[in-house]
């Protein structure tokens, strides 16, 4: 079965880009976004329901957002879903080390997660550009209770020429200098820009949400057009 999964080009891309980056992931995310990643994560958390009982964080990575949600809502059970074992091991080790009791990590592809209970919200950060969006949206719909929320964050390419120029310059510097300092990140430093230029997730994801019957779909541009936040609500009334 593992061999069949490897045939999926999306999974192959993720494995190739992120191989051996787990130990430095948190540091690189904070460094390369100049700390703005923390602001984005707080924006995601601010969009969650006031008192969620269960939240699923897809493509959890090393658990940056998962742990932030768990800290913000200590009575909430937070499930981090991650494809790569390398990242999952780091997240689980942190949960044990810090004795965080309200988190759980499972290994799965985001589009294929199946739970035995409904959740109040599904979050993701840096997932949409890699995902099969129709399948992902169906999986999210199946996980959510009536009235549940989706909060998804991802990179976008700036539309304004001056901002696009600054974005291109930033990655040019990152490719030349960052690759020398962090050689294990060379592949993603060089390939991420083209991936962000080509992705149409910010248009396709809302379309997929509408096709699944989601309501109150909103797209919020962040950080001079360098990323976006998409929120949506599953039809029906919240009944806990």
C-alpha atoms as a PDB file:
ATOM      1  CA  UNK A   1       0.000   0.000   0.000  1.00  0.00           C
ATOM      2  CA  UNK A   2       2.880   2.360   0.792  1.00  0.00           C
ATOM      3  CA  UNK A   3       4.199   1.904  -2.744  1.00  0.00           C
ATOM      4  CA  UNK A   4       0.854   2.861  -4.227  1.00  0.00           C
ATOM      5  CA  UNK A   5       0.678   6.018  -2.133  1.00  0.00           C
ATOM      6  CA  UNK A   6       4.150   7.047  -3.347  1.00  0.00           C
ATOM      7  CA  UNK A   7       2.826   7.174  -6.909  1.00  0.00           C
ATOM      8  CA  UNK A   8       0.772  10.266  -6.080  1.00  0.00           C
ATOM      9  CA  UNK A   9       2.794  13.239  -7.388  1.00  0.00           C
ATOM     10  CA  UNK A  10       1.519  15.496  -4.603  1.00  0.00           C
ATOM     11  CA  UNK A  11       2.894  13.193  -1.931  1.00  0.00           C
ATOM     12  CA  UNK A  12       6.140  12.706  -3.824  1.00  0.00           C
ATOM     13  CA  UNK A  13       6.520  16.493  -4.010  1.00  0.00           C
ATOM     14  CA  UNK A  14       6.015  16.936  -0.268  1.00  0.00           C
ATOM     15  CA  UNK A  15       8.476  14.152   0.538  1.00  0.00           C
ATOM     16  CA  UNK A  16      11.100  15.604  -1.788  1.00  0.00           C
ATOM     17  CA  UNK A  17      10.733  19.175  -0.552  1.00  0.00           C
ATOM     18  CA  UNK A  18      10.702  18.460   3.167  1.00  0.00           C
ATOM     19  CA  UNK A  19      13.047  15.489   3.573  1.00  0.00           C
ATOM     20  CA  UNK A  20      15.367  15.932   6.597  1.00  0.00           C
ATOM     21  CA  UNK A  21      13.938  19.355   7.492  1.00  0.00           C
ATOM     22  CA  UNK A  22      12.058  18.335  10.638  1.00  0.00           C
ATOM     23  CA  UNK A  23      14.664  19.313  13.268  1.00  0.00           C
ATOM     24  CA  UNK A  24      14.986  22.846  11.872  1.00  0.00           C
ATOM     25  CA  UNK A  25      11.393  23.384  10.727  1.00  0.00           C
ATOM     26  CA  UNK A  26      10.165  25.587  13.580  1.00  0.00           C
ATOM     27  CA  UNK A  27      13.285  27.757  13.427  1.00  0.00           C
ATOM     28  CA  UNK A  28      13.142  28.191   9.648  1.00  0.00           C
ATOM     29  CA  UNK A  29       9.434  29.047   9.620  1.00  0.00           C
ATOM     30  CA  UNK A  30       9.955  31.748  12.228  1.00  0.00           C
ATOM     31  CA  UNK A  31      13.169  33.056  10.644  1.00  0.00           C
ATOM     32  CA  UNK A  32      12.011  33.114   7.030  1.00  0.00           C
ATOM     33  CA  UNK A  33       8.709  34.816   7.831  1.00  0.00           C
ATOM     34  CA  UNK A  34      10.391  37.283  10.232  1.00  0.00           C
ATOM     35  CA  UNK A  35       8.032  36.069  12.939  1.00  0.00           C
ATOM     36  CA  UNK A  36       4.928  36.760  10.863  1.00  0.00           C
ATOM     37  CA  UNK A  37       4.019  33.069  10.927  1.00  0.00           C
ATOM     38  CA  UNK A  38       3.077  33.559  14.575  1.00  0.00           C
ATOM     39  CA  UNK A  39       0.729  36.387  13.589  1.00  0.00           C
ATOM     40  CA  UNK A  40      -0.881  34.177  10.952  1.00  0.00           C
ATOM     41  CA  UNK A  41      -1.357  31.384  13.476  1.00  0.00           C
ATOM     42  CA  UNK A  42      -3.000  33.796  15.924  1.00  0.00           C
ATOM     43  CA  UNK A  43      -5.300  34.982  13.134  1.00  0.00           C
ATOM     44  CA  UNK A  44      -6.359  31.372  12.531  1.00  0.00           C
ATOM     45  CA  UNK A  45      -7.052  30.815  16.228  1.00  0.00           C
ATOM     46  CA  UNK A  46      -9.069  34.040  16.424  1.00  0.00           C
ATOM     47  CA  UNK A  47     -11.434  32.642  13.765  1.00  0.00           C
ATOM     48  CA  UNK A  48     -12.230  29.477  15.746  1.00  0.00           C
ATOM     49  CA  UNK A  49     -15.491  29.026  17.683  1.00  0.00           C
ATOM     50  CA  UNK A  50     -15.433  30.542  21.206  1.00  0.00           C
ATOM     51  CA  UNK A  51     -15.355  27.235  23.106  1.00  0.00           C
ATOM     52  CA  UNK A  52     -14.532  24.378  20.757  1.00  0.00           C
ATOM     53  CA  UNK A  53     -14.591  20.851  22.116  1.00  0.00           C
ATOM     54  CA  UNK A  54     -12.709  19.217  19.243  1.00  0.00           C
ATOM     55  CA  UNK A  55     -10.488  20.705  16.536  1.00  0.00           C
ATOM     56  CA  UNK A  56      -8.556  18.952  13.775  1.00  0.00           C
ATOM     57  CA  UNK A  57      -5.375  20.595  12.463  1.00  0.00           C
ATOM     58  CA  UNK A  58      -4.485  19.202   9.037  1.00  0.00           C
ATOM     59  CA  UNK A  59      -0.889  19.074   7.774  1.00  0.00           C
ATOM     60  CA  UNK A  60       0.167  19.778  11.336  1.00  0.00           C
ATOM     61  CA  UNK A  61       3.881  19.442  10.654  1.00  0.00           C
ATOM     62  CA  UNK A  62       5.806  19.656  13.913  1.00  0.00           C
ATOM     63  CA  UNK A  63       2.687  20.939  15.654  1.00  0.00           C
ATOM     64  CA  UNK A  64       3.210  24.702  15.732  1.00  0.00           C
ATOM     65  CA  UNK A  65      -0.473  25.495  15.180  1.00  0.00           C
ATOM     66  CA  UNK A  66      -1.703  22.350  16.942  1.00  0.00           C
ATOM     67  CA  UNK A  67       0.029  23.278  20.189  1.00  0.00           C
ATOM     68  CA  UNK A  68      -1.050  26.914  19.894  1.00  0.00           C
ATOM     69  CA  UNK A  69      -4.694  25.826  19.643  1.00  0.00           C
ATOM     70  CA  UNK A  70      -4.237  23.451  22.578  1.00  0.00           C
ATOM     71  CA  UNK A  71      -2.778  26.251  24.706  1.00  0.00           C
ATOM     72  CA  UNK A  72      -5.523  28.663  23.732  1.00  0.00           C
ATOM     73  CA  UNK A  73      -8.285  26.169  24.465  1.00  0.00           C
ATOM     74  CA  UNK A  74      -7.112  23.873  27.294  1.00  0.00           C
ATOM     75  CA  UNK A  75     -10.490  22.103  27.453  1.00  0.00           C
ATOM     76  CA  UNK A  76     -10.433  21.330  23.727  1.00  0.00           C
ATOM     77  CA  UNK A  77      -9.150  18.045  22.288  1.00  0.00           C
ATOM     78  CA  UNK A  78      -6.888  18.927  19.353  1.00  0.00           C
ATOM     79  CA  UNK A  79      -5.951  16.337  16.740  1.00  0.00           C
ATOM     80  CA  UNK A  80      -2.914  17.073  14.598  1.00  0.00           C
ATOM     81  CA  UNK A  81      -2.870  15.178  11.304  1.00  0.00           C
ATOM     82  CA  UNK A  82       0.481  14.866   9.552  1.00  0.00           C
ATOM     83  CA  UNK A  83       1.620  12.909   6.512  1.00  0.00           C
ATOM     84  CA  UNK A  84       5.332  12.684   7.257  1.00  0.00           C
ATOM     85  CA  UNK A  85       6.657  10.431  10.047  1.00  0.00           C
ATOM     86  CA  UNK A  86       9.702  12.674  10.571  1.00  0.00           C
ATOM     87  CA  UNK A  87       7.524  15.613  11.567  1.00  0.00           C
ATOM     88  CA  UNK A  88       5.089  13.448  13.491  1.00  0.00           C
ATOM     89  CA  UNK A  89       7.859  12.058  15.707  1.00  0.00           C
ATOM     90  CA  UNK A  90       8.957  15.588  16.598  1.00  0.00           C
ATOM     91  CA  UNK A  91       5.403  16.668  17.442  1.00  0.00           C
ATOM     92  CA  UNK A  92       4.745  13.618  19.606  1.00  0.00           C
ATOM     93  CA  UNK A  93       8.039  14.040  21.429  1.00  0.00           C
ATOM     94  CA  UNK A  94       7.177  17.651  22.203  1.00  0.00           C
ATOM     95  CA  UNK A  95       3.737  16.683  23.501  1.00  0.00           C
ATOM     96  CA  UNK A  96       5.332  14.154  25.850  1.00  0.00           C
ATOM     97  CA  UNK A  97       8.135  16.485  26.911  1.00  0.00           C
ATOM     98  CA  UNK A  98       5.796  19.385  27.667  1.00  0.00           C
ATOM     99  CA  UNK A  99       3.080  17.098  29.047  1.00  0.00           C
ATOM    100  CA  UNK A 100       0.396  18.529  26.794  1.00  0.00           C
ATOM    101  CA  UNK A 101      -2.556  16.283  27.572  1.00  0.00           C
ATOM    102  CA  UNK A 102      -5.158  17.687  25.169  1.00  0.00           C
ATOM    103  CA  UNK A 103      -3.351  16.933  21.894  1.00  0.00           C
ATOM    104  CA  UNK A 104      -3.214  13.811  19.766  1.00  0.00           C
ATOM    105  CA  UNK A 105      -1.226  13.239  16.590  1.00  0.00           C
ATOM    106  CA  UNK A 106      -2.128  10.801  13.831  1.00  0.00           C
ATOM    107  CA  UNK A 107      -0.359   9.977  10.583  1.00  0.00           C
ATOM    108  CA  UNK A 108      -2.580  10.354   7.537  1.00  0.00           C
ATOM    109  CA  UNK A 109      -3.025  12.228   4.316  1.00  0.00           C
ATOM    110  CA  UNK A 110      -5.282  15.238   4.870  1.00  0.00           C
ATOM    111  CA  UNK A 111      -7.641  14.172   2.075  1.00  0.00           C
ATOM    112  CA  UNK A 112      -8.115  10.725   3.626  1.00  0.00           C
ATOM    113  CA  UNK A 113      -8.690  11.429   7.326  1.00  0.00           C
ATOM    114  CA  UNK A 114     -11.619   9.543   8.831  1.00  0.00           C
ATOM    115  CA  UNK A 115     -12.759  10.167  12.394  1.00  0.00           C
ATOM    116  CA  UNK A 116     -15.319   8.396  14.557  1.00  0.00           C
ATOM    117  CA  UNK A 117     -16.607  11.667  16.007  1.00  0.00           C
ATOM    118  CA  UNK A 118     -17.550  15.106  14.633  1.00  0.00           C
ATOM    119  CA  UNK A 119     -15.388  18.167  15.273  1.00  0.00           C
ATOM    120  CA  UNK A 120     -16.139  21.851  15.743  1.00  0.00           C
ATOM    121  CA  UNK A 121     -13.443  23.155  13.410  1.00  0.00           C
ATOM    122  CA  UNK A 122     -10.816  22.079  10.900  1.00  0.00           C
ATOM    123  CA  UNK A 123      -7.697  24.192  10.482  1.00  0.00           C
ATOM    124  CA  UNK A 124      -4.747  24.093   8.122  1.00  0.00           C
ATOM    125  CA  UNK A 125      -1.686  26.179   7.362  1.00  0.00           C
ATOM    126  CA  UNK A 126       0.482  25.711   4.264  1.00  0.00           C
ATOM    127  CA  UNK A 127      -1.609  22.777   3.021  1.00  0.00           C
ATOM    128  CA  UNK A 128      -3.845  24.010   0.195  1.00  0.00           C
ATOM    129  CA  UNK A 129      -1.166  24.412  -2.494  1.00  0.00           C
ATOM    130  CA  UNK A 130      -0.262  20.711  -2.187  1.00  0.00           C
ATOM    131  CA  UNK A 131      -3.771  19.302  -1.790  1.00  0.00           C
ATOM    132  CA  UNK A 132      -6.377  17.712  -4.026  1.00  0.00           C
ATOM    133  CA  UNK A 133      -8.867  20.419  -3.108  1.00  0.00           C
ATOM    134  CA  UNK A 134     -12.163  18.694  -4.028  1.00  0.00           C
ATOM    135  CA  UNK A 135     -11.122  15.597  -2.051  1.00  0.00           C
ATOM    136  CA  UNK A 136      -9.837  17.722   0.820  1.00  0.00           C
ATOM    137  CA  UNK A 137     -13.093  19.660   1.009  1.00  0.00           C
ATOM    138  CA  UNK A 138     -15.139  16.460   1.074  1.00  0.00           C
ATOM    139  CA  UNK A 139     -12.971  15.108   3.888  1.00  0.00           C
ATOM    140  CA  UNK A 140     -13.371  18.326   5.870  1.00  0.00           C
ATOM    141  CA  UNK A 141     -17.123  18.231   5.346  1.00  0.00           C
ATOM    142  CA  UNK A 142     -17.275  14.662   6.641  1.00  0.00           C
ATOM    143  CA  UNK A 143     -15.313  15.571   9.780  1.00  0.00           C
ATOM    144  CA  UNK A 144     -17.287  18.666  10.742  1.00  0.00           C
ATOM    145  CA  UNK A 145     -20.442  18.808  12.803  1.00  0.00           C
ATOM    146  CA  UNK A 146     -23.317  20.955  11.538  1.00  0.00           C
ATOM    147  CA  UNK A 147     -22.296  24.601  11.797  1.00  0.00           C
ATOM    148  CA  UNK A 148     -18.621  23.681  12.112  1.00  0.00           C
ATOM    149  CA  UNK A 149     -15.894  25.930  10.727  1.00  0.00           C
ATOM    150  CA  UNK A 150     -13.021  25.648   8.284  1.00  0.00           C
ATOM    151  CA  UNK A 151     -10.075  28.015   8.750  1.00  0.00           C
ATOM    152  CA  UNK A 152      -7.346  27.553   6.131  1.00  0.00           C
ATOM    153  CA  UNK A 153      -4.209  29.635   5.601  1.00  0.00           C
ATOM    154  CA  UNK A 154      -1.755  29.458   2.717  1.00  0.00           C
ATOM    155  CA  UNK A 155       0.777  31.455   0.703  1.00  0.00           C
ATOM    156  CA  UNK A 156      -0.332  33.527  -2.287  1.00  0.00           C
ATOM    157  CA  UNK A 157       1.568  35.457  -4.933  1.00  0.00           C
ATOM    158  CA  UNK A 158       1.243  39.260  -4.576  1.00  0.00           C
ATOM    159  CA  UNK A 159      -0.711  40.907  -7.393  1.00  0.00           C
ATOM    160  CA  UNK A 160       0.673  44.440  -7.080  1.00  0.00           C
ATOM    161  CA  UNK A 161       3.872  44.793  -9.146  1.00  0.00           C
ATOM    162  CA  UNK A 162       5.933  46.483  -6.437  1.00  0.00           C
ATOM    163  CA  UNK A 163       4.989  43.811  -3.905  1.00  0.00           C
ATOM    164  CA  UNK A 164       5.686  41.041  -6.404  1.00  0.00           C
ATOM    165  CA  UNK A 165       9.120  42.584  -7.056  1.00  0.00           C
ATOM    166  CA  UNK A 166       9.897  42.600  -3.320  1.00  0.00           C
ATOM    167  CA  UNK A 167       8.659  38.998  -3.041  1.00  0.00           C
ATOM    168  CA  UNK A 168      10.917  37.892  -5.911  1.00  0.00           C
ATOM    169  CA  UNK A 169      13.910  39.720  -4.440  1.00  0.00           C
ATOM    170  CA  UNK A 170      13.329  38.099  -1.067  1.00  0.00           C
ATOM    171  CA  UNK A 171      13.400  34.606  -2.534  1.00  0.00           C
ATOM    172  CA  UNK A 172      16.449  35.448  -4.664  1.00  0.00           C
ATOM    173  CA  UNK A 173      18.349  36.352  -1.498  1.00  0.00           C
ATOM    174  CA  UNK A 174      16.960  33.343   0.345  1.00  0.00           C
ATOM    175  CA  UNK A 175      18.084  30.988  -2.415  1.00  0.00           C
ATOM    176  CA  UNK A 176      21.636  32.347  -2.451  1.00  0.00           C
ATOM    177  CA  UNK A 177      22.223  32.893   1.258  1.00  0.00           C
ATOM    178  CA  UNK A 178      19.693  30.612   2.917  1.00  0.00           C
ATOM    179  CA  UNK A 179      20.804  27.577   0.958  1.00  0.00           C
ATOM    180  CA  UNK A 180      24.358  28.025   2.217  1.00  0.00           C
ATOM    181  CA  UNK A 181      23.307  28.369   5.838  1.00  0.00           C
ATOM    182  CA  UNK A 182      20.651  25.655   5.722  1.00  0.00           C
ATOM    183  CA  UNK A 183      21.534  23.236   2.890  1.00  0.00           C
ATOM    184  CA  UNK A 184      18.748  20.816   3.829  1.00  0.00           C
ATOM    185  CA  UNK A 185      16.293  23.562   2.850  1.00  0.00           C
ATOM    186  CA  UNK A 186      17.855  24.262  -0.547  1.00  0.00           C
ATOM    187  CA  UNK A 187      15.219  22.321  -2.497  1.00  0.00           C
ATOM    188  CA  UNK A 188      12.285  24.157  -0.984  1.00  0.00           C
ATOM    189  CA  UNK A 189      14.010  27.558  -1.198  1.00  0.00           C
ATOM    190  CA  UNK A 190      14.390  27.041  -4.942  1.00  0.00           C
ATOM    191  CA  UNK A 191      11.104  25.292  -5.738  1.00  0.00           C
ATOM    192  CA  UNK A 192       8.609  26.991  -3.422  1.00  0.00           C
ATOM    193  CA  UNK A 193       8.525  30.288  -5.382  1.00  0.00           C
ATOM    194  CA  UNK A 194       7.415  28.606  -8.610  1.00  0.00           C
ATOM    195  CA  UNK A 195       4.875  26.536  -6.691  1.00  0.00           C
ATOM    196  CA  UNK A 196       3.353  29.686  -5.185  1.00  0.00           C
ATOM    197  CA  UNK A 197       3.383  31.472  -8.544  1.00  0.00           C
ATOM    198  CA  UNK A 198       1.479  28.625 -10.204  1.00  0.00           C
ATOM    199  CA  UNK A 199      -0.998  27.643  -7.512  1.00  0.00           C
ATOM    200  CA  UNK A 200      -4.625  28.649  -8.004  1.00  0.00           C
ATOM    201  CA  UNK A 201      -5.763  27.377  -4.622  1.00  0.00           C
ATOM    202  CA  UNK A 202      -7.190  30.732  -3.508  1.00  0.00           C
ATOM    203  CA  UNK A 203      -9.723  30.536  -6.345  1.00  0.00           C
ATOM    204  CA  UNK A 204     -10.287  26.780  -6.454  1.00  0.00           C
ATOM    205  CA  UNK A 205     -10.732  26.185  -2.725  1.00  0.00           C
ATOM    206  CA  UNK A 206     -13.753  28.513  -2.340  1.00  0.00           C
ATOM    207  CA  UNK A 207     -15.240  26.896  -5.457  1.00  0.00           C
ATOM    208  CA  UNK A 208     -14.838  23.454  -3.887  1.00  0.00           C
ATOM    209  CA  UNK A 209     -16.384  24.712  -0.647  1.00  0.00           C
ATOM    210  CA  UNK A 210     -19.412  26.053  -2.494  1.00  0.00           C
ATOM    211  CA  UNK A 211     -19.777  22.748  -4.335  1.00  0.00           C
ATOM    212  CA  UNK A 212     -19.914  20.986  -0.951  1.00  0.00           C
ATOM    213  CA  UNK A 213     -22.614  23.349   0.316  1.00  0.00           C
ATOM    214  CA  UNK A 214     -20.515  25.416   2.718  1.00  0.00           C
ATOM    215  CA  UNK A 215     -21.789  28.856   3.713  1.00  0.00           C
ATOM    216  CA  UNK A 216     -20.246  32.198   4.720  1.00  0.00           C
ATOM    217  CA  UNK A 217     -17.164  31.589   2.572  1.00  0.00           C
ATOM    218  CA  UNK A 218     -14.675  34.420   2.990  1.00  0.00           C
ATOM    219  CA  UNK A 219     -11.211  35.068   1.557  1.00  0.00           C
ATOM    220  CA  UNK A 220      -9.000  37.480   3.483  1.00  0.00           C
ATOM    221  CA  UNK A 221      -5.730  38.695   1.969  1.00  0.00           C
ATOM    222  CA  UNK A 222      -2.898  39.005   4.488  1.00  0.00           C
ATOM    223  CA  UNK A 223       0.562  40.563   4.642  1.00  0.00           C
ATOM    224  CA  UNK A 224       0.571  42.630   1.452  1.00  0.00           C
ATOM    225  CA  UNK A 225      -0.912  39.797  -0.568  1.00  0.00           C
ATOM    226  CA  UNK A 226       1.689  37.240   0.479  1.00  0.00           C
ATOM    227  CA  UNK A 227      -0.848  34.882   2.006  1.00  0.00           C
ATOM    228  CA  UNK A 228      -4.577  34.430   2.428  1.00  0.00           C
ATOM    229  CA  UNK A 229      -7.030  33.084   4.971  1.00  0.00           C
ATOM    230  CA  UNK A 230     -10.153  31.232   3.836  1.00  0.00           C
ATOM    231  CA  UNK A 231     -13.000  30.595   6.258  1.00  0.00           C
ATOM    232  CA  UNK A 232     -16.273  28.754   5.738  1.00  0.00           C
ATOM    233  CA  UNK A 233     -19.127  27.287   7.762  1.00  0.00           C
ATOM    234  CA  UNK A 234     -20.817  23.947   7.284  1.00  0.00           C
ATOM    235  CA  UNK A 235     -24.564  24.225   6.794  1.00  0.00           C
ATOM    236  CA  UNK A 236     -26.810  23.505   9.769  1.00  0.00           C
ATOM    237  CA  UNK A 237     -27.093  24.653  13.354  1.00  0.00           C
ATOM    238  CA  UNK A 238     -24.503  23.883  15.989  1.00  0.00           C
ATOM    239  CA  UNK A 239     -25.913  21.288  18.368  1.00  0.00           C
ATOM    240  CA  UNK A 240     -23.600  19.877  20.987  1.00  0.00           C
END
